[in-house]
Amino acid sequence: MSALTAFLSLLIEARLGYPDRLFRAIGHPVTWIGAVISCLDRGLNRAADSDAAHRMAGLFALVVIVLVPATIARLTESVLLSLPLGIVAVALLGSALLSQKSLACHVEAVADALDSGGLAAGRKAVSMIVGRDPEKLDEAAVGRAAIESLAENFSDGIVAPALWLGVGGLAGGVAYKAANTADSMIGHRTERHEAFGWAAARFDDLINLPASRMTGLLIVAAAFFIKGADPAEAWRAMRRDARHHRSPNAGWPEAAMAGALGLALAGPRSYGGVLVEGRYMGEGGRTAVTSADIRQALRLYWTADMLLIALFGVIALLIW
């Protein structure tokens, strides 16, 4: 049932996304989880505590953040699967954990903004999906940021939740999404969260390990089907460059995407006025990225996503 849940959830979300009317009415699971994280951060992350106390408090917070939503999801799934066509209801809930359609829309908006409004519009559009300083980005850097975000979020916004849905059903998908949201909110190396968010950051690195490698392989495979993409270079770049990324996971899809498109992605970037050094993924490729490159990356992304859906479909069929 878990593999079938992942397959149906992917199909539903790719077609429907998460409706805006539903978001306005009840919010989104990530916003609900985010509210819990904010509450725990305010209550447990006390400035006067020692680093050791911060780490223990952060570990306790992570356990609550992951186990409570996952338990609710498991109970809900058990009830629904006892009903006729309950698997469809479970898949509808599971689809809320994925972001295939919204990710593509946000990245395409950057290409559209560059084409219609130039650099200023491109900076505004890309600021919706990346955390780096937009005012320091030229047009090529805007394009690189959009493609990097597409590659990285394909892994942790789509492949990873689908994988954990397939492994652990709705509870597995919810547990992953809760942990990933915790990392995005408190897993930062700032004075406030360096110790408190340590457990969330390390746990997120761990649970994303299989999905990041799988995402890189999906991009390599997709390059075989896209005119102008280079699967051999995608494989070489991934093998050569991924381990040099600051993240143990983000480098795999970024390097594969860079190699497939003949680009140099990542590298130095600025966050909050601070320059962060980094190796290029796809070293030796073009850094002059255009809106046409963003659209080519989107074609590669959708092809890789269709391969992911097909993979879960085959797995579900074989298990059945």
Protein backbone atom coordinates (compact mmCIF):
# COMPACT_ATOMS: atom_id res chain seq x y z
CA MET A 1 0.00 0.00 0.00
CA SER A 2 2.85 2.43 0.73
CA ALA A 3 4.28 2.23 -2.79
CA LEU A 4 0.80 2.69 -4.23
CA THR A 5 0.24 5.67 -1.92
CA ALA A 6 3.44 7.31 -3.20
CA PHE A 7 2.51 6.63 -6.83
CA LEU A 8 -1.02 8.03 -6.53
CA SER A 9 0.14 11.01 -4.46
CA LEU A 10 2.67 11.94 -7.13
CA LEU A 11 0.06 11.68 -9.88
CA ILE A 12 -2.46 13.78 -7.97
CA GLU A 13 -0.04 16.54 -7.00
CA ALA A 14 1.52 16.76 -10.47
CA ARG A 15 -1.93 17.35 -11.92
CA LEU A 16 -3.61 19.45 -9.22
CA GLY A 17 -0.90 20.89 -7.01
CA TYR A 18 -2.16 22.28 -3.70
CA PRO A 19 -5.18 24.47 -4.51
CA ASP A 20 -4.90 28.13 -3.48
CA ARG A 21 -8.48 28.12 -2.20
CA LEU A 22 -7.64 25.24 0.12
CA PHE A 23 -4.52 27.02 1.34
CA ARG A 24 -6.48 30.17 2.08
CA ALA A 25 -9.14 28.17 3.91
CA ILE A 26 -7.06 25.84 6.09
CA GLY A 27 -3.40 26.55 5.41
CA HIS A 28 -0.95 23.77 4.54
CA PRO A 29 0.61 20.90 6.54
CA VAL A 30 3.96 22.70 6.46
CA THR A 31 2.41 25.82 8.02
CA TRP A 32 0.80 23.69 10.73
CA ILE A 33 4.08 21.96 11.50
CA GLY A 34 5.86 25.32 11.33
CA ALA A 35 3.55 26.72 14.02
CA VAL A 36 4.47 23.83 16.33
CA ILE A 37 8.19 24.37 15.65
CA SER A 38 7.92 28.10 16.38
CA CYS A 39 6.14 27.36 19.66
CA LEU A 40 8.81 24.87 20.74
CA ASP A 41 11.58 27.25 19.68
CA ARG A 42 10.13 30.05 21.82
CA GLY A 43 9.51 27.80 24.82
CA LEU A 44 12.62 25.61 24.88
CA ASN A 45 15.37 27.66 23.25
CA ARG A 46 16.34 29.84 26.22
CA ALA A 47 19.30 32.18 25.76
CA ALA A 48 20.61 31.64 29.32
CA ASP A 49 21.04 27.87 28.88
CA SER A 50 24.36 26.18 28.11
CA ASP A 51 25.13 24.67 24.71
CA ALA A 52 24.62 21.19 26.15
CA ALA A 53 21.19 22.18 27.47
CA HIS A 54 20.34 23.75 24.11
CA ARG A 55 21.25 20.51 22.33
CA MET A 56 19.14 18.39 24.66
CA ALA A 57 16.20 20.79 24.32
CA GLY A 58 16.61 20.74 20.53
CA LEU A 59 16.68 16.94 20.50
CA PHE A 60 13.49 16.80 22.59
CA ALA A 61 11.85 19.33 20.26
CA LEU A 62 12.80 17.24 17.22
CA VAL A 63 11.27 14.10 18.75
CA VAL A 64 8.00 15.98 19.36
CA ILE A 65 8.06 17.60 15.92
CA VAL A 66 8.50 14.25 14.15
CA LEU A 67 6.57 11.76 16.29
CA VAL A 68 3.38 13.70 17.02
CA PRO A 69 2.43 14.44 13.37
CA ALA A 70 3.58 10.97 12.28
CA THR A 71 1.39 9.30 14.93
CA ILE A 72 -1.62 11.35 13.87
CA ALA A 73 -0.91 10.44 10.23
CA ARG A 74 -0.61 6.73 11.08
CA LEU A 75 -3.94 6.69 12.92
CA THR A 76 -5.63 8.63 10.13
CA GLU A 77 -4.25 6.27 7.50
CA SER A 78 -5.48 3.21 9.44
CA VAL A 79 -9.01 4.60 9.58
CA LEU A 80 -9.09 5.63 5.92
CA LEU A 81 -7.73 2.32 4.62
CA SER A 82 -10.59 0.51 6.30
CA LEU A 83 -13.05 2.42 4.08
CA PRO A 84 -13.93 1.77 0.41
CA LEU A 85 -11.47 3.62 -1.84
CA GLY A 86 -9.65 4.73 1.28
CA ILE A 87 -6.33 4.51 -0.57
CA VAL A 88 -7.44 7.43 -2.74
CA ALA A 89 -8.16 9.54 0.36
CA VAL A 90 -4.75 8.63 1.78
CA ALA A 91 -3.10 9.57 -1.51
CA LEU A 92 -4.89 12.92 -1.51
CA LEU A 93 -3.44 13.63 1.93
CA GLY A 94 -0.03 12.40 0.79
CA SER A 95 -0.10 14.71 -2.21
CA ALA A 96 0.00 17.70 0.17
CA LEU A 97 3.53 16.63 1.16
CA LEU A 98 4.81 17.06 -2.42
CA SER A 99 5.57 20.20 -4.43
CA GLN A 100 6.04 19.17 -8.07
CA LYS A 101 3.70 21.75 -9.56
CA SER A 102 4.47 24.66 -7.25
CA LEU A 103 8.24 24.22 -7.64
CA ALA A 104 7.98 24.30 -11.42
CA CYS A 105 5.69 27.35 -11.31
CA HIS A 106 8.07 29.31 -9.06
CA VAL A 107 11.10 28.52 -11.20
CA GLU A 108 9.28 29.23 -14.45
CA ALA A 109 8.23 32.58 -12.97
CA VAL A 110 11.93 33.54 -12.76
CA ALA A 111 12.44 32.81 -16.46
CA ASP A 112 9.27 34.73 -17.33
CA ALA A 113 10.37 37.68 -15.18
CA LEU A 114 13.79 37.85 -16.82
CA ASP A 115 12.21 37.77 -20.27
CA SER A 116 9.51 40.34 -19.57
CA GLY A 117 10.93 42.59 -16.86
CA GLY A 118 14.70 42.19 -16.98
CA LEU A 119 17.07 41.95 -14.04
CA ALA A 120 14.93 43.77 -11.46
CA ALA A 121 11.96 41.50 -12.10
CA GLY A 122 14.20 38.44 -12.12
CA ARG A 123 15.70 39.36 -8.75
CA LYS A 124 12.24 39.78 -7.24
CA ALA A 125 11.04 36.44 -8.61
CA VAL A 126 14.10 34.48 -7.51
CA SER A 127 13.94 35.98 -4.00
CA MET A 128 10.76 33.92 -3.52
CA ILE A 129 12.69 30.65 -3.76
CA VAL A 130 16.24 31.33 -2.50
CA GLY A 131 17.66 32.93 0.63
CA ARG A 132 20.68 34.68 -0.87
CA ASP A 133 20.89 38.47 -1.29
CA PRO A 134 18.97 39.24 -4.51
CA GLU A 135 20.39 42.75 -4.94
CA LYS A 136 23.86 41.24 -5.44
CA LEU A 137 22.77 38.95 -8.26
CA ASP A 138 23.34 39.81 -11.90
CA GLU A 139 21.18 38.19 -14.58
CA ALA A 140 23.40 35.11 -14.86
CA ALA A 141 23.44 34.66 -11.07
CA VAL A 142 19.64 34.91 -10.98
CA GLY A 143 19.45 32.11 -13.52
CA ARG A 144 21.96 29.97 -11.63
CA ALA A 145 20.07 30.48 -8.37
CA ALA A 146 16.79 29.41 -9.99
CA ILE A 147 18.29 26.23 -11.45
CA GLU A 148 20.11 25.37 -8.21
CA SER A 149 16.84 25.78 -6.31
CA LEU A 150 15.06 23.58 -8.84
CA ALA A 151 17.64 20.80 -8.47
CA GLU A 152 17.87 20.91 -4.68
CA ASN A 153 14.12 21.19 -4.10
CA PHE A 154 13.44 18.37 -6.55
CA SER A 155 15.34 16.24 -4.05
CA ASP A 156 13.98 17.41 -0.70
CA GLY A 157 10.57 18.65 -1.86
CA ILE A 158 9.58 15.76 -4.12
CA VAL A 159 11.86 12.73 -4.28
CA ALA A 160 12.51 12.52 -0.53
CA PRO A 161 8.87 12.80 0.65
CA ALA A 162 7.80 10.40 -2.12
CA LEU A 163 10.51 7.95 -1.05
CA TRP A 164 9.47 8.07 2.61
CA LEU A 165 5.81 7.79 1.60
CA GLY A 166 6.79 4.67 -0.29
CA VAL A 167 8.74 3.28 2.66
CA GLY A 168 6.49 4.21 5.58
CA GLY A 169 3.15 5.23 4.14
CA LEU A 170 1.52 8.48 5.18
CA ALA A 171 3.30 8.41 8.55
CA GLY A 172 6.68 8.11 6.82
CA GLY A 173 5.95 11.01 4.50
CA VAL A 174 4.69 13.22 7.33
CA ALA A 175 7.67 12.36 9.55
CA TYR A 176 10.03 13.35 6.74
CA LYS A 177 8.21 16.61 6.04
CA ALA A 178 8.19 17.52 9.73
CA ALA A 179 11.93 16.89 10.06
CA ASN A 180 12.71 18.79 6.85
CA THR A 181 10.61 21.76 7.99
CA ALA A 182 12.42 21.74 11.33
CA ASP A 183 15.76 21.90 9.55
CA SER A 184 14.60 24.82 7.40
CA MET A 185 13.42 26.76 10.48
CA ILE A 186 15.91 25.96 13.24
CA GLY A 187 18.74 24.02 11.57
CA HIS A 188 20.86 27.11 10.89
CA ARG A 189 24.37 27.96 12.08
CA THR A 190 23.30 31.16 13.80
CA GLU A 191 23.93 32.22 17.36
CA ARG A 192 20.36 31.32 18.33
CA HIS A 193 20.12 27.96 16.57
CA GLU A 194 23.69 26.61 16.35
CA ALA A 195 23.16 24.28 19.33
CA PHE A 196 19.36 24.10 19.55
CA GLY A 197 18.98 23.19 15.88
CA TRP A 198 21.93 20.78 15.77
CA ALA A 199 19.79 17.63 16.03
CA ALA A 200 17.33 18.86 13.40
CA ALA A 201 20.12 19.69 10.94
CA ARG A 202 21.97 16.40 11.40
CA PHE A 203 18.78 14.32 11.22
CA ASP A 204 17.70 16.09 8.03
CA ASP A 205 21.10 15.37 6.48
CA LEU A 206 20.68 11.69 7.34
CA ILE A 207 17.15 11.18 6.01
CA ASN A 208 17.97 13.01 2.77
CA LEU A 209 20.99 10.85 1.93
CA PRO A 210 19.14 8.23 -0.16
CA ALA A 211 16.86 10.73 -1.91
CA SER A 212 19.67 13.08 -2.97
CA ARG A 213 21.56 10.25 -4.67
CA MET A 214 18.35 8.98 -6.24
CA THR A 215 17.56 12.48 -7.54
CA GLY A 216 20.95 12.78 -9.15
CA LEU A 217 20.44 9.45 -10.93
CA LEU A 218 16.97 10.51 -12.10
CA ILE A 219 18.44 13.68 -13.63
CA VAL A 220 21.17 11.66 -15.36
CA ALA A 221 18.52 9.28 -16.75
CA ALA A 222 16.27 12.16 -17.83
CA ALA A 223 19.13 13.72 -19.80
CA PHE A 224 18.91 10.79 -22.24
CA PHE A 225 15.46 12.05 -23.30
CA ILE A 226 16.15 15.80 -23.58
CA LYS A 227 17.62 17.23 -26.76
CA GLY A 228 20.78 19.16 -25.95
CA ALA A 229 21.28 17.56 -22.52
CA ASP A 230 24.36 15.44 -21.86
CA PRO A 231 23.78 12.35 -19.65
CA ALA A 232 27.45 11.33 -19.71
CA GLU A 233 28.60 14.72 -18.46
CA ALA A 234 25.78 14.73 -15.88
CA TRP A 235 27.16 11.46 -14.51
CA ARG A 236 30.77 12.70 -14.55
CA ALA A 237 29.91 15.99 -12.85
CA MET A 238 27.89 14.23 -10.17
CA ARG A 239 30.67 11.74 -9.44
CA ARG A 240 33.36 14.44 -9.49
CA ASP A 241 31.76 17.49 -7.88
CA ALA A 242 28.94 16.43 -5.55
CA ARG A 243 31.22 15.61 -2.62
CA HIS A 244 32.72 19.11 -2.72
CA HIS A 245 29.38 20.84 -1.97
CA ARG A 246 28.92 22.40 1.47
CA SER A 247 25.86 20.19 1.91
CA PRO A 248 26.23 16.39 2.02
CA ASN A 249 23.11 16.13 -0.15
CA ALA A 250 22.49 19.20 -2.29
CA GLY A 251 25.57 18.61 -4.42
CA TRP A 252 24.21 15.43 -6.01
CA PRO A 253 21.21 16.89 -7.88
CA GLU A 254 22.96 20.22 -8.47
CA ALA A 255 26.04 18.60 -9.98
CA ALA A 256 23.94 16.27 -12.15
CA MET A 257 21.84 19.22 -13.38
CA ALA A 258 24.95 21.31 -14.04
CA GLY A 259 26.64 18.54 -16.02
CA ALA A 260 23.54 17.74 -18.03
CA LEU A 261 23.12 21.39 -19.07
CA GLY A 262 26.81 22.25 -19.47
CA LEU A 263 26.65 24.84 -16.69
CA ALA A 264 28.64 25.75 -13.59
CA LEU A 265 26.27 26.03 -10.61
CA ALA A 266 26.70 26.84 -6.91
CA GLY A 267 30.08 28.46 -6.22
CA PRO A 268 30.41 31.56 -3.99
CA ARG A 269 27.19 33.27 -2.94
CA SER A 270 26.07 35.95 -0.46
CA TYR A 271 23.60 35.48 2.42
CA GLY A 272 22.68 38.38 4.67
CA GLY A 273 25.64 40.37 3.45
CA VAL A 274 28.08 37.53 4.22
CA LEU A 275 29.99 35.94 1.33
CA VAL A 276 29.91 32.14 1.54
CA GLU A 277 32.62 30.35 -0.42
CA GLY A 278 31.76 27.20 -2.33
CA ARG A 279 33.01 24.96 -5.14
CA TYR A 280 31.27 25.03 -8.50
CA MET A 281 29.13 22.06 -9.47
CA GLY A 282 29.81 21.29 -13.12
CA GLU A 283 33.21 22.94 -12.87
CA GLY A 284 34.33 24.18 -16.26
CA GLY A 285 30.79 24.76 -17.50
CA ARG A 286 29.18 28.07 -18.43
CA THR A 287 28.38 30.53 -15.66
CA ALA A 288 26.48 32.84 -18.05
CA VAL A 289 23.03 31.33 -17.43
CA THR A 290 20.02 32.68 -19.32
CA SER A 291 16.26 32.27 -19.14
CA ALA A 292 16.57 29.68 -21.94
CA ASP A 293 18.77 27.59 -19.61
CA ILE A 294 16.13 27.80 -16.90
CA ARG A 295 13.51 26.49 -19.32
CA GLN A 296 15.83 23.67 -20.41
CA ALA A 297 16.34 22.79 -16.73
CA LEU A 298 12.57 22.68 -16.29
CA ARG A 299 12.24 20.25 -19.20
CA LEU A 300 14.88 18.08 -17.57
CA TYR A 301 13.10 18.35 -14.22
CA TRP A 302 9.70 17.30 -15.56
CA THR A 303 11.23 14.35 -17.42
CA ALA A 304 13.04 13.21 -14.26
CA ASP A 305 9.79 13.64 -12.33
CA MET A 306 7.91 11.47 -14.82
CA LEU A 307 10.60 8.82 -14.40
CA LEU A 308 10.09 9.00 -10.64
CA ILE A 309 6.34 8.52 -11.02
CA ALA A 310 6.87 5.63 -13.41
CA LEU A 311 9.32 4.01 -10.98
CA PHE A 312 6.81 4.04 -8.14
CA GLY A 313 4.13 2.79 -10.51
CA VAL A 314 6.26 -0.20 -11.48
CA ILE A 315 7.15 -0.93 -7.84
CA ALA A 316 3.49 -0.77 -6.81
CA LEU A 317 2.53 -3.09 -9.69
CA LEU A 318 5.25 -5.59 -8.84
CA ILE A 319 4.27 -5.65 -5.16
CA TRP A 320 0.59 -6.05 -6.08
